[in-house]
Amino acid sequence: MPLEPQRYKYYKTQLGDSLLSATALIRHYYTTLCSQTSQLIVQADRIWELSQRHRLLAGIKEAAAATLLSACHDAYQPIYHCIKQLQEAVSEVSIHVADFEREYQALQSELNQTDELRCCSLAKWNAWLAQTLRVLQTQVKFLELDSRALLPGLVDTTTVKQFKRDLEVTAHYKASICLGLAEADRRSELLPPIN
């Protein structure tokens, strides 16, 4: 039995809204990261420089060492706030991706074979959203772990280099995210009109 028109319309609206919200948040994550990357690199380099100076003065000139610790803390704040903002964005993305998947699964359970063929683009969107979410979650987790090592006494050149590397999404995933966002912008309807 074909899906009733009002149910089809419901799914069309729900899935479209979830995809729109998820892609808007993914774009926000991506643009936030791109716009702040250079500042984060500067701050990480500054922390490394200050921590090297702190090591030289620790135990010799306590007042100067305390001032350098305070400067390290100030340099760390923009990194902390940016990562927190990215974590919040990823958390929001995960809510909309879960909504999309839940509605997609529910729609599939209600469809007959003829209708399933009309909705094959949903599987592609579901897979893209899931993969993109995993990439963002992995990246933000690595950035969080890297940032914990950006502390005086712990930070070294390897830590700073790793942090800089983790600020970049690999070329393959970057292309996938950009292509998916472009396709989401161009799409006219998520589901075809019902006959």
N, C-alpha and C. Protein backbone atom coordinates (compact mmCIF):
# COMPACT_ATOMS: atom_id res chain seq x y z
N MET A 1 0.85 -1.19 0.00
CA MET A 1 0.00 0.00 0.00
C MET A 1 0.89 1.24 0.00
N PRO A 2 0.62 2.19 -0.92
CA PRO A 2 1.46 3.40 -0.98
C PRO A 2 1.29 4.26 0.28
N LEU A 3 2.28 5.06 0.53
CA LEU A 3 2.25 5.96 1.68
C LEU A 3 1.19 7.03 1.47
N GLU A 4 0.43 7.31 2.51
CA GLU A 4 -0.62 8.34 2.41
C GLU A 4 0.01 9.70 2.17
N PRO A 5 -0.65 10.57 1.38
CA PRO A 5 -0.08 11.88 1.04
C PRO A 5 0.30 12.72 2.26
N GLN A 6 -0.52 12.72 3.31
CA GLN A 6 -0.18 13.54 4.47
C GLN A 6 1.04 13.01 5.22
N ARG A 7 1.23 11.67 5.23
CA ARG A 7 2.43 11.09 5.85
C ARG A 7 3.67 11.43 5.02
N TYR A 8 3.51 11.34 3.71
CA TYR A 8 4.61 11.66 2.81
C TYR A 8 5.02 13.12 2.99
N LYS A 9 4.02 13.99 3.08
CA LYS A 9 4.29 15.43 3.27
C LYS A 9 4.98 15.66 4.62
N TYR A 10 4.54 14.95 5.64
CA TYR A 10 5.15 15.06 6.96
C TYR A 10 6.63 14.71 6.88
N TYR A 11 6.94 13.56 6.28
CA TYR A 11 8.35 13.14 6.17
C TYR A 11 9.16 14.11 5.33
N LYS A 12 8.55 14.58 4.27
CA LYS A 12 9.25 15.53 3.39
C LYS A 12 9.64 16.78 4.18
N THR A 13 8.73 17.28 4.99
CA THR A 13 8.99 18.47 5.80
C THR A 13 10.03 18.18 6.89
N GLN A 14 9.83 17.10 7.63
CA GLN A 14 10.73 16.77 8.74
C GLN A 14 12.16 16.53 8.26
N LEU A 15 12.28 15.73 7.22
CA LEU A 15 13.62 15.41 6.70
C LEU A 15 14.28 16.65 6.10
N GLY A 16 13.50 17.45 5.40
CA GLY A 16 14.04 18.69 4.82
C GLY A 16 14.52 19.65 5.90
N ASP A 17 13.72 19.80 6.96
CA ASP A 17 14.11 20.69 8.07
C ASP A 17 15.36 20.19 8.79
N SER A 18 15.43 18.88 9.02
CA SER A 18 16.60 18.31 9.71
C SER A 18 17.86 18.49 8.87
N LEU A 19 17.74 18.24 7.56
CA LEU A 19 18.90 18.41 6.68
C LEU A 19 19.33 19.87 6.63
N LEU A 20 18.37 20.76 6.52
CA LEU A 20 18.67 22.20 6.47
C LEU A 20 19.38 22.65 7.75
N SER A 21 18.87 22.24 8.90
CA SER A 21 19.48 22.61 10.18
C SER A 21 20.87 22.02 10.32
N ALA A 22 21.02 20.75 9.98
CA ALA A 22 22.33 20.10 10.10
C ALA A 22 23.36 20.75 9.18
N THR A 23 22.99 21.03 7.95
CA THR A 23 23.96 21.63 7.02
C THR A 23 24.31 23.06 7.45
N ALA A 24 23.35 23.79 7.99
CA ALA A 24 23.64 25.15 8.48
C ALA A 24 24.65 25.09 9.63
N LEU A 25 24.49 24.13 10.52
CA LEU A 25 25.41 23.99 11.65
C LEU A 25 26.78 23.48 11.22
N ILE A 26 26.81 22.58 10.24
CA ILE A 26 28.09 22.09 9.70
C ILE A 26 28.84 23.25 9.06
N ARG A 27 28.12 24.06 8.29
CA ARG A 27 28.74 25.23 7.66
C ARG A 27 29.27 26.20 8.73
N HIS A 28 28.48 26.40 9.79
CA HIS A 28 28.90 27.28 10.89
C HIS A 28 30.18 26.74 11.54
N TYR A 29 30.23 25.45 11.80
CA TYR A 29 31.42 24.83 12.38
C TYR A 29 32.62 25.09 11.47
N TYR A 30 32.43 24.80 10.21
CA TYR A 30 33.52 24.89 9.24
C TYR A 30 34.01 26.33 9.08
N THR A 31 33.09 27.28 8.98
CA THR A 31 33.50 28.68 8.81
C THR A 31 34.13 29.23 10.10
N THR A 32 33.62 28.82 11.25
CA THR A 32 34.22 29.23 12.53
C THR A 32 35.66 28.74 12.60
N LEU A 33 35.86 27.47 12.28
CA LEU A 33 37.21 26.91 12.34
C LEU A 33 38.13 27.62 11.35
N CYS A 34 37.66 27.81 10.12
CA CYS A 34 38.49 28.47 9.09
C CYS A 34 38.84 29.90 9.49
N SER A 35 37.87 30.62 10.04
CA SER A 35 38.11 32.02 10.38
C SER A 35 39.04 32.17 11.59
N GLN A 36 39.10 31.15 12.45
CA GLN A 36 39.89 31.27 13.67
C GLN A 36 41.21 30.51 13.64
N THR A 37 41.43 29.73 12.58
CA THR A 37 42.63 28.89 12.53
C THR A 37 43.91 29.70 12.68
N SER A 38 44.04 30.79 11.93
CA SER A 38 45.29 31.56 12.00
C SER A 38 45.51 32.13 13.41
N GLN A 39 44.44 32.60 14.05
CA GLN A 39 44.58 33.13 15.41
C GLN A 39 44.96 32.01 16.39
N LEU A 40 44.38 30.84 16.21
CA LEU A 40 44.69 29.71 17.10
C LEU A 40 46.15 29.29 16.95
N ILE A 41 46.66 29.32 15.73
CA ILE A 41 48.07 28.99 15.50
C ILE A 41 48.97 30.02 16.18
N VAL A 42 48.63 31.29 16.05
CA VAL A 42 49.41 32.35 16.70
C VAL A 42 49.41 32.14 18.22
N GLN A 43 48.25 31.82 18.78
CA GLN A 43 48.15 31.63 20.22
C GLN A 43 48.95 30.41 20.68
N ALA A 44 48.89 29.33 19.91
CA ALA A 44 49.66 28.12 20.26
C ALA A 44 51.16 28.41 20.22
N ASP A 45 51.60 29.12 19.19
CA ASP A 45 53.02 29.51 19.12
C ASP A 45 53.41 30.40 20.29
N ARG A 46 52.51 31.29 20.65
CA ARG A 46 52.76 32.20 21.78
C ARG A 46 52.89 31.42 23.09
N ILE A 47 52.01 30.45 23.29
CA ILE A 47 52.09 29.61 24.49
C ILE A 47 53.42 28.88 24.54
N TRP A 48 53.85 28.34 23.40
CA TRP A 48 55.13 27.63 23.36
C TRP A 48 56.28 28.56 23.73
N GLU A 49 56.27 29.75 23.12
CA GLU A 49 57.33 30.72 23.39
C GLU A 49 57.35 31.12 24.87
N LEU A 50 56.18 31.44 25.41
CA LEU A 50 56.09 31.84 26.81
C LEU A 50 56.51 30.71 27.75
N SER A 51 56.12 29.48 27.40
CA SER A 51 56.47 28.35 28.28
C SER A 51 57.98 28.10 28.27
N GLN A 52 58.64 28.35 27.13
CA GLN A 52 60.10 28.20 27.08
C GLN A 52 60.76 29.23 28.00
N ARG A 53 60.25 30.44 27.95
CA ARG A 53 60.78 31.49 28.83
C ARG A 53 60.50 31.17 30.29
N HIS A 54 59.32 30.60 30.54
CA HIS A 54 58.94 30.23 31.91
C HIS A 54 59.90 29.17 32.46
N ARG A 55 60.25 28.20 31.65
CA ARG A 55 61.17 27.15 32.08
C ARG A 55 62.53 27.72 32.50
N LEU A 56 62.96 28.73 31.75
CA LEU A 56 64.25 29.36 32.06
C LEU A 56 64.21 30.11 33.39
N LEU A 57 63.05 30.72 33.70
CA LEU A 57 62.97 31.57 34.88
C LEU A 57 62.41 30.88 36.12
N ALA A 58 61.75 29.73 35.93
CA ALA A 58 61.15 29.03 37.08
C ALA A 58 62.25 28.67 38.09
N GLY A 59 62.03 29.01 39.33
CA GLY A 59 62.98 28.73 40.40
C GLY A 59 64.08 29.78 40.54
N ILE A 60 64.17 30.69 39.56
CA ILE A 60 65.19 31.73 39.63
C ILE A 60 64.54 33.07 39.92
N LYS A 61 63.63 33.45 39.07
CA LYS A 61 62.90 34.72 39.25
C LYS A 61 61.41 34.39 39.31
N GLU A 62 60.93 34.16 40.50
CA GLU A 62 59.55 33.72 40.71
C GLU A 62 58.51 34.71 40.21
N ALA A 63 58.75 36.00 40.41
CA ALA A 63 57.78 37.01 39.97
C ALA A 63 57.66 37.01 38.45
N ALA A 64 58.79 36.93 37.77
CA ALA A 64 58.78 36.90 36.29
C ALA A 64 58.13 35.61 35.80
N ALA A 65 58.41 34.49 36.49
CA ALA A 65 57.81 33.21 36.11
C ALA A 65 56.30 33.24 36.27
N ALA A 66 55.83 33.87 37.35
CA ALA A 66 54.38 33.99 37.58
C ALA A 66 53.73 34.85 36.51
N THR A 67 54.41 35.92 36.10
CA THR A 67 53.89 36.78 35.03
C THR A 67 53.79 36.01 33.73
N LEU A 68 54.78 35.18 33.44
CA LEU A 68 54.76 34.36 32.22
C LEU A 68 53.64 33.31 32.27
N LEU A 69 53.40 32.75 33.43
CA LEU A 69 52.29 31.80 33.58
C LEU A 69 50.96 32.48 33.29
N SER A 70 50.81 33.68 33.81
CA SER A 70 49.60 34.45 33.56
C SER A 70 49.44 34.76 32.07
N ALA A 71 50.54 35.10 31.40
CA ALA A 71 50.51 35.37 29.97
C ALA A 71 50.15 34.11 29.18
N CYS A 72 50.64 32.95 29.63
CA CYS A 72 50.27 31.67 29.00
C CYS A 72 48.78 31.43 29.12
N HIS A 73 48.26 31.70 30.31
CA HIS A 73 46.83 31.53 30.55
C HIS A 73 46.02 32.43 29.61
N ASP A 74 46.44 33.68 29.46
CA ASP A 74 45.76 34.62 28.56
C ASP A 74 45.82 34.15 27.11
N ALA A 75 46.95 33.60 26.70
CA ALA A 75 47.10 33.10 25.33
C ALA A 75 46.26 31.85 25.10
N TYR A 76 46.03 31.09 26.17
CA TYR A 76 45.25 29.85 26.06
C TYR A 76 43.75 30.11 25.95
N GLN A 77 43.27 31.21 26.51
CA GLN A 77 41.83 31.48 26.56
C GLN A 77 41.15 31.45 25.18
N PRO A 78 41.70 32.10 24.13
CA PRO A 78 41.04 32.02 22.82
C PRO A 78 40.96 30.59 22.28
N ILE A 79 41.98 29.78 22.57
CA ILE A 79 41.96 28.37 22.13
C ILE A 79 40.85 27.63 22.85
N TYR A 80 40.77 27.82 24.16
CA TYR A 80 39.74 27.16 24.97
C TYR A 80 38.34 27.55 24.48
N HIS A 81 38.12 28.84 24.28
CA HIS A 81 36.78 29.31 23.88
C HIS A 81 36.41 28.81 22.48
N CYS A 82 37.37 28.79 21.57
CA CYS A 82 37.08 28.31 20.22
C CYS A 82 36.72 26.83 20.24
N ILE A 83 37.48 26.04 20.97
CA ILE A 83 37.20 24.60 21.03
C ILE A 83 35.85 24.35 21.69
N LYS A 84 35.55 25.10 22.72
CA LYS A 84 34.24 24.98 23.37
C LYS A 84 33.12 25.31 22.39
N GLN A 85 33.30 26.35 21.60
CA GLN A 85 32.31 26.74 20.59
C GLN A 85 32.15 25.63 19.55
N LEU A 86 33.26 25.03 19.12
CA LEU A 86 33.21 23.93 18.14
C LEU A 86 32.52 22.70 18.74
N GLN A 87 32.79 22.41 20.01
CA GLN A 87 32.13 21.28 20.67
C GLN A 87 30.62 21.48 20.73
N GLU A 88 30.20 22.70 21.04
CA GLU A 88 28.77 23.00 21.09
C GLU A 88 28.13 22.84 19.71
N ALA A 89 28.84 23.29 18.67
CA ALA A 89 28.32 23.15 17.30
C ALA A 89 28.18 21.68 16.93
N VAL A 90 29.19 20.87 17.28
CA VAL A 90 29.13 19.43 16.96
C VAL A 90 27.99 18.77 17.72
N SER A 91 27.78 19.17 18.95
CA SER A 91 26.68 18.63 19.74
C SER A 91 25.33 18.93 19.08
N GLU A 92 25.17 20.16 18.58
CA GLU A 92 23.94 20.54 17.87
C GLU A 92 23.80 19.76 16.57
N VAL A 93 24.90 19.62 15.83
CA VAL A 93 24.86 18.84 14.58
C VAL A 93 24.38 17.43 14.88
N SER A 94 24.91 16.82 15.94
CA SER A 94 24.54 15.43 16.25
C SER A 94 23.05 15.28 16.52
N ILE A 95 22.43 16.29 17.12
CA ILE A 95 20.99 16.24 17.37
C ILE A 95 20.22 16.19 16.06
N HIS A 96 20.59 17.05 15.11
CA HIS A 96 19.87 17.10 13.83
C HIS A 96 20.17 15.88 12.95
N VAL A 97 21.39 15.36 13.04
CA VAL A 97 21.72 14.14 12.30
C VAL A 97 20.90 12.97 12.85
N ALA A 98 20.77 12.89 14.16
CA ALA A 98 19.96 11.83 14.79
C ALA A 98 18.49 11.99 14.39
N ASP A 99 17.99 13.22 14.34
CA ASP A 99 16.61 13.46 13.90
C ASP A 99 16.41 12.99 12.47
N PHE A 100 17.37 13.34 11.60
CA PHE A 100 17.27 12.94 10.20
C PHE A 100 17.25 11.42 10.09
N GLU A 101 18.18 10.77 10.78
CA GLU A 101 18.24 9.31 10.69
C GLU A 101 16.98 8.65 11.23
N ARG A 102 16.46 9.16 12.33
CA ARG A 102 15.25 8.59 12.92
C ARG A 102 14.06 8.71 11.95
N GLU A 103 13.89 9.90 11.35
CA GLU A 103 12.79 10.09 10.40
C GLU A 103 13.00 9.27 9.14
N TYR A 104 14.25 9.17 8.70
CA TYR A 104 14.57 8.37 7.51
C TYR A 104 14.22 6.90 7.75
N GLN A 105 14.60 6.38 8.92
CA GLN A 105 14.29 4.98 9.25
C GLN A 105 12.78 4.75 9.36
N ALA A 106 12.09 5.72 9.96
CA ALA A 106 10.64 5.60 10.09
C ALA A 106 9.97 5.62 8.72
N LEU A 107 10.43 6.50 7.84
CA LEU A 107 9.88 6.56 6.48
C LEU A 107 10.13 5.25 5.75
N GLN A 108 11.33 4.72 5.85
CA GLN A 108 11.65 3.46 5.19
C GLN A 108 10.72 2.34 5.66
N SER A 109 10.42 2.31 6.94
CA SER A 109 9.55 1.25 7.45
C SER A 109 8.12 1.37 6.94
N GLU A 110 7.72 2.57 6.51
CA GLU A 110 6.37 2.77 6.00
C GLU A 110 6.26 2.64 4.48
N LEU A 111 7.38 2.63 3.80
CA LEU A 111 7.36 2.64 2.33
C LEU A 111 7.18 1.24 1.75
N ASN A 112 6.55 1.21 0.55
CA ASN A 112 6.56 -0.03 -0.22
C ASN A 112 7.73 0.05 -1.21
N GLN A 113 7.97 -1.01 -1.99
CA GLN A 113 9.15 -1.05 -2.86
C GLN A 113 9.14 0.05 -3.91
N THR A 114 7.99 0.40 -4.46
CA THR A 114 7.92 1.44 -5.48
C THR A 114 8.32 2.78 -4.89
N ASP A 115 7.80 3.09 -3.71
CA ASP A 115 8.13 4.35 -3.06
C ASP A 115 9.60 4.42 -2.66
N GLU A 116 10.16 3.28 -2.26
CA GLU A 116 11.57 3.26 -1.83
C GLU A 116 12.49 3.74 -2.93
N LEU A 117 12.19 3.37 -4.17
CA LEU A 117 13.02 3.81 -5.30
C LEU A 117 12.97 5.32 -5.48
N ARG A 118 11.84 5.92 -5.15
CA ARG A 118 11.69 7.37 -5.30
C ARG A 118 12.48 8.12 -4.21
N CYS A 119 12.82 7.45 -3.15
CA CYS A 119 13.47 8.11 -2.00
C CYS A 119 14.94 7.72 -1.85
N CYS A 120 15.57 7.23 -2.92
CA CYS A 120 16.95 6.72 -2.79
C CYS A 120 17.95 7.82 -2.42
N SER A 121 17.67 9.09 -2.72
CA SER A 121 18.61 10.15 -2.36
C SER A 121 18.72 10.31 -0.84
N LEU A 122 17.70 9.87 -0.12
CA LEU A 122 17.74 9.98 1.34
C LEU A 122 18.87 9.14 1.94
N ALA A 123 19.11 7.97 1.36
CA ALA A 123 20.19 7.11 1.86
C ALA A 123 21.53 7.81 1.70
N LYS A 124 21.71 8.49 0.58
CA LYS A 124 22.95 9.22 0.34
C LYS A 124 23.13 10.35 1.36
N TRP A 125 22.05 11.10 1.62
CA TRP A 125 22.13 12.19 2.61
C TRP A 125 22.37 11.65 4.00
N ASN A 126 21.72 10.54 4.33
CA ASN A 126 21.90 9.94 5.65
C ASN A 126 23.36 9.52 5.85
N ALA A 127 23.95 8.90 4.84
CA ALA A 127 25.35 8.47 4.92
C ALA A 127 26.29 9.67 5.02
N TRP A 128 26.02 10.72 4.22
CA TRP A 128 26.87 11.91 4.24
C TRP A 128 26.81 12.60 5.60
N LEU A 129 25.62 12.73 6.15
CA LEU A 129 25.48 13.36 7.47
C LEU A 129 26.22 12.56 8.54
N ALA A 130 26.07 11.24 8.52
CA ALA A 130 26.74 10.40 9.52
C ALA A 130 28.25 10.51 9.40
N GLN A 131 28.77 10.47 8.17
CA GLN A 131 30.22 10.57 7.97
C GLN A 131 30.74 11.94 8.39
N THR A 132 30.04 12.99 8.01
CA THR A 132 30.46 14.34 8.35
C THR A 132 30.46 14.54 9.86
N LEU A 133 29.44 14.04 10.53
CA LEU A 133 29.40 14.13 11.98
C LEU A 133 30.59 13.42 12.61
N ARG A 134 30.92 12.22 12.13
CA ARG A 134 32.08 11.49 12.67
C ARG A 134 33.37 12.28 12.48
N VAL A 135 33.53 12.90 11.31
CA VAL A 135 34.74 13.69 11.03
C VAL A 135 34.84 14.86 12.01
N LEU A 136 33.72 15.58 12.20
CA LEU A 136 33.73 16.74 13.09
C LEU A 136 33.97 16.31 14.54
N GLN A 137 33.32 15.23 14.95
CA GLN A 137 33.51 14.74 16.33
C GLN A 137 34.96 14.34 16.57
N THR A 138 35.56 13.66 15.60
CA THR A 138 36.96 13.24 15.73
C THR A 138 37.88 14.45 15.80
N GLN A 139 37.65 15.40 14.90
CA GLN A 139 38.51 16.58 14.88
C GLN A 139 38.43 17.35 16.19
N VAL A 140 37.23 17.60 16.66
CA VAL A 140 37.09 18.41 17.87
C VAL A 140 37.64 17.65 19.09
N LYS A 141 37.55 16.32 19.09
CA LYS A 141 38.13 15.54 20.20
C LYS A 141 39.65 15.65 20.19
N PHE A 142 40.26 15.54 19.01
CA PHE A 142 41.72 15.70 18.91
C PHE A 142 42.15 17.10 19.32
N LEU A 143 41.40 18.11 18.90
CA LEU A 143 41.74 19.48 19.29
C LEU A 143 41.65 19.66 20.80
N GLU A 144 40.64 19.05 21.40
CA GLU A 144 40.50 19.13 22.87
C GLU A 144 41.70 18.46 23.55
N LEU A 145 42.08 17.28 23.08
CA LEU A 145 43.23 16.57 23.67
C LEU A 145 44.53 17.35 23.46
N ASP A 146 44.70 17.89 22.24
CA ASP A 146 45.90 18.71 21.96
C ASP A 146 45.96 19.92 22.89
N SER A 147 44.81 20.55 23.07
CA SER A 147 44.79 21.79 23.86
C SER A 147 45.15 21.53 25.33
N ARG A 148 44.85 20.33 25.81
CA ARG A 148 45.21 19.99 27.20
C ARG A 148 46.72 19.92 27.39
N ALA A 149 47.43 19.67 26.30
CA ALA A 149 48.89 19.61 26.37
C ALA A 149 49.54 20.96 26.13
N LEU A 150 48.73 21.97 25.83
CA LEU A 150 49.28 23.32 25.62
C LEU A 150 49.38 24.08 26.94
N LEU A 151 50.03 23.45 27.88
CA LEU A 151 50.20 24.05 29.21
C LEU A 151 51.68 24.22 29.49
N PRO A 152 52.06 25.28 30.21
CA PRO A 152 53.47 25.46 30.56
C PRO A 152 54.00 24.22 31.28
N GLY A 153 55.16 23.79 30.90
CA GLY A 153 55.72 22.59 31.49
C GLY A 153 55.41 21.35 30.68
N LEU A 154 54.30 21.36 29.94
CA LEU A 154 53.93 20.22 29.10
C LEU A 154 54.17 20.50 27.63
N VAL A 155 53.95 21.73 27.22
CA VAL A 155 53.99 22.06 25.80
C VAL A 155 55.40 21.93 25.24
N ASP A 156 55.48 21.31 24.06
CA ASP A 156 56.73 21.24 23.33
C ASP A 156 56.42 21.44 21.85
N THR A 157 57.43 21.44 21.03
CA THR A 157 57.21 21.71 19.60
C THR A 157 56.32 20.65 18.96
N THR A 158 56.44 19.40 19.40
CA THR A 158 55.61 18.32 18.84
C THR A 158 54.13 18.59 19.13
N THR A 159 53.83 19.03 20.34
CA THR A 159 52.45 19.33 20.72
C THR A 159 51.87 20.45 19.84
N VAL A 160 52.64 21.49 19.65
CA VAL A 160 52.18 22.63 18.84
C VAL A 160 51.98 22.20 17.39
N LYS A 161 52.91 21.39 16.86
CA LYS A 161 52.78 20.90 15.48
C LYS A 161 51.54 20.03 15.33
N GLN A 162 51.30 19.16 16.31
CA GLN A 162 50.12 18.29 16.25
C GLN A 162 48.83 19.11 16.31
N PHE A 163 48.80 20.11 17.15
CA PHE A 163 47.63 20.99 17.24
C PHE A 163 47.37 21.66 15.89
N LYS A 164 48.42 22.17 15.25
CA LYS A 164 48.27 22.82 13.95
C LYS A 164 47.76 21.84 12.90
N ARG A 165 48.28 20.60 12.93
CA ARG A 165 47.81 19.57 11.98
C ARG A 165 46.34 19.26 12.19
N ASP A 166 45.94 19.15 13.45
CA ASP A 166 44.56 18.78 13.76
C ASP A 166 43.56 19.90 13.47
N LEU A 167 44.06 21.11 13.29
CA LEU A 167 43.17 22.21 12.89
C LEU A 167 42.68 22.05 11.45
N GLU A 168 43.40 21.26 10.67
CA GLU A 168 43.05 21.03 9.26
C GLU A 168 42.28 19.73 9.10
N VAL A 169 41.19 19.79 8.34
CA VAL A 169 40.47 18.58 7.96
C VAL A 169 41.21 17.99 6.76
N THR A 170 41.38 16.67 6.72
CA THR A 170 42.09 16.06 5.59
C THR A 170 41.39 16.41 4.28
N ALA A 171 42.16 16.46 3.21
CA ALA A 171 41.65 16.92 1.90
C ALA A 171 40.43 16.11 1.45
N HIS A 172 40.45 14.81 1.66
CA HIS A 172 39.33 13.95 1.24
C HIS A 172 38.03 14.36 1.96
N TYR A 173 38.11 14.49 3.27
CA TYR A 173 36.92 14.84 4.04
C TYR A 173 36.49 16.28 3.79
N LYS A 174 37.47 17.14 3.61
CA LYS A 174 37.17 18.54 3.31
C LYS A 174 36.37 18.64 2.01
N ALA A 175 36.81 17.90 0.99
CA ALA A 175 36.11 17.88 -0.30
C ALA A 175 34.70 17.31 -0.14
N SER A 176 34.57 16.25 0.64
CA SER A 176 33.27 15.63 0.87
C SER A 176 32.31 16.60 1.57
N ILE A 177 32.82 17.29 2.59
CA ILE A 177 31.99 18.25 3.33
C ILE A 177 31.56 19.40 2.41
N CYS A 178 32.51 19.96 1.68
CA CYS A 178 32.20 21.10 0.79
C CYS A 178 31.23 20.69 -0.30
N LEU A 179 31.43 19.51 -0.88
CA LEU A 179 30.53 19.03 -1.93
C LEU A 179 29.12 18.81 -1.37
N GLY A 180 29.04 18.20 -0.20
CA GLY A 180 27.73 17.97 0.42
C GLY A 180 27.02 19.27 0.73
N LEU A 181 27.75 20.27 1.24
CA LEU A 181 27.14 21.58 1.53
C LEU A 181 26.66 22.25 0.25
N ALA A 182 27.46 22.14 -0.81
CA ALA A 182 27.07 22.74 -2.10
C ALA A 182 25.82 22.05 -2.66
N GLU A 183 25.78 20.74 -2.57
CA GLU A 183 24.60 19.99 -3.05
C GLU A 183 23.36 20.33 -2.21
N ALA A 184 23.56 20.50 -0.92
CA ALA A 184 22.43 20.87 -0.05
C ALA A 184 21.88 22.24 -0.44
N ASP A 185 22.76 23.16 -0.81
CA ASP A 185 22.32 24.49 -1.24
C ASP A 185 21.56 24.44 -2.56
N ARG A 186 21.98 23.53 -3.44
CA ARG A 186 21.39 23.47 -4.78
C ARG A 186 20.12 22.65 -4.85
N ARG A 187 19.91 21.78 -3.89
CA ARG A 187 18.77 20.87 -3.99
C ARG A 187 17.46 21.64 -3.98
N SER A 188 16.54 21.19 -4.78
CA SER A 188 15.24 21.85 -4.81
C SER A 188 14.31 21.19 -3.80
N GLU A 189 14.18 19.87 -3.86
CA GLU A 189 13.32 19.14 -2.93
C GLU A 189 14.03 17.88 -2.48
N LEU A 190 13.91 17.54 -1.23
CA LEU A 190 14.55 16.33 -0.71
C LEU A 190 13.84 15.08 -1.21
N LEU A 191 12.53 15.16 -1.30
CA LEU A 191 11.74 14.04 -1.83
C LEU A 191 10.98 14.54 -3.05
N PRO A 192 10.80 13.67 -4.05
CA PRO A 192 10.04 14.10 -5.24
C PRO A 192 8.56 14.29 -4.89
N PRO A 193 7.83 15.06 -5.70
CA PRO A 193 6.40 15.22 -5.44
C PRO A 193 5.68 13.88 -5.52
N ILE A 194 4.67 13.73 -4.71
CA ILE A 194 3.90 12.47 -4.72
C ILE A 194 2.96 12.47 -5.93
N ASN A 195 2.82 11.31 -6.54
CA ASN A 195 1.94 11.21 -7.72
C ASN A 195 0.49 11.05 -7.31
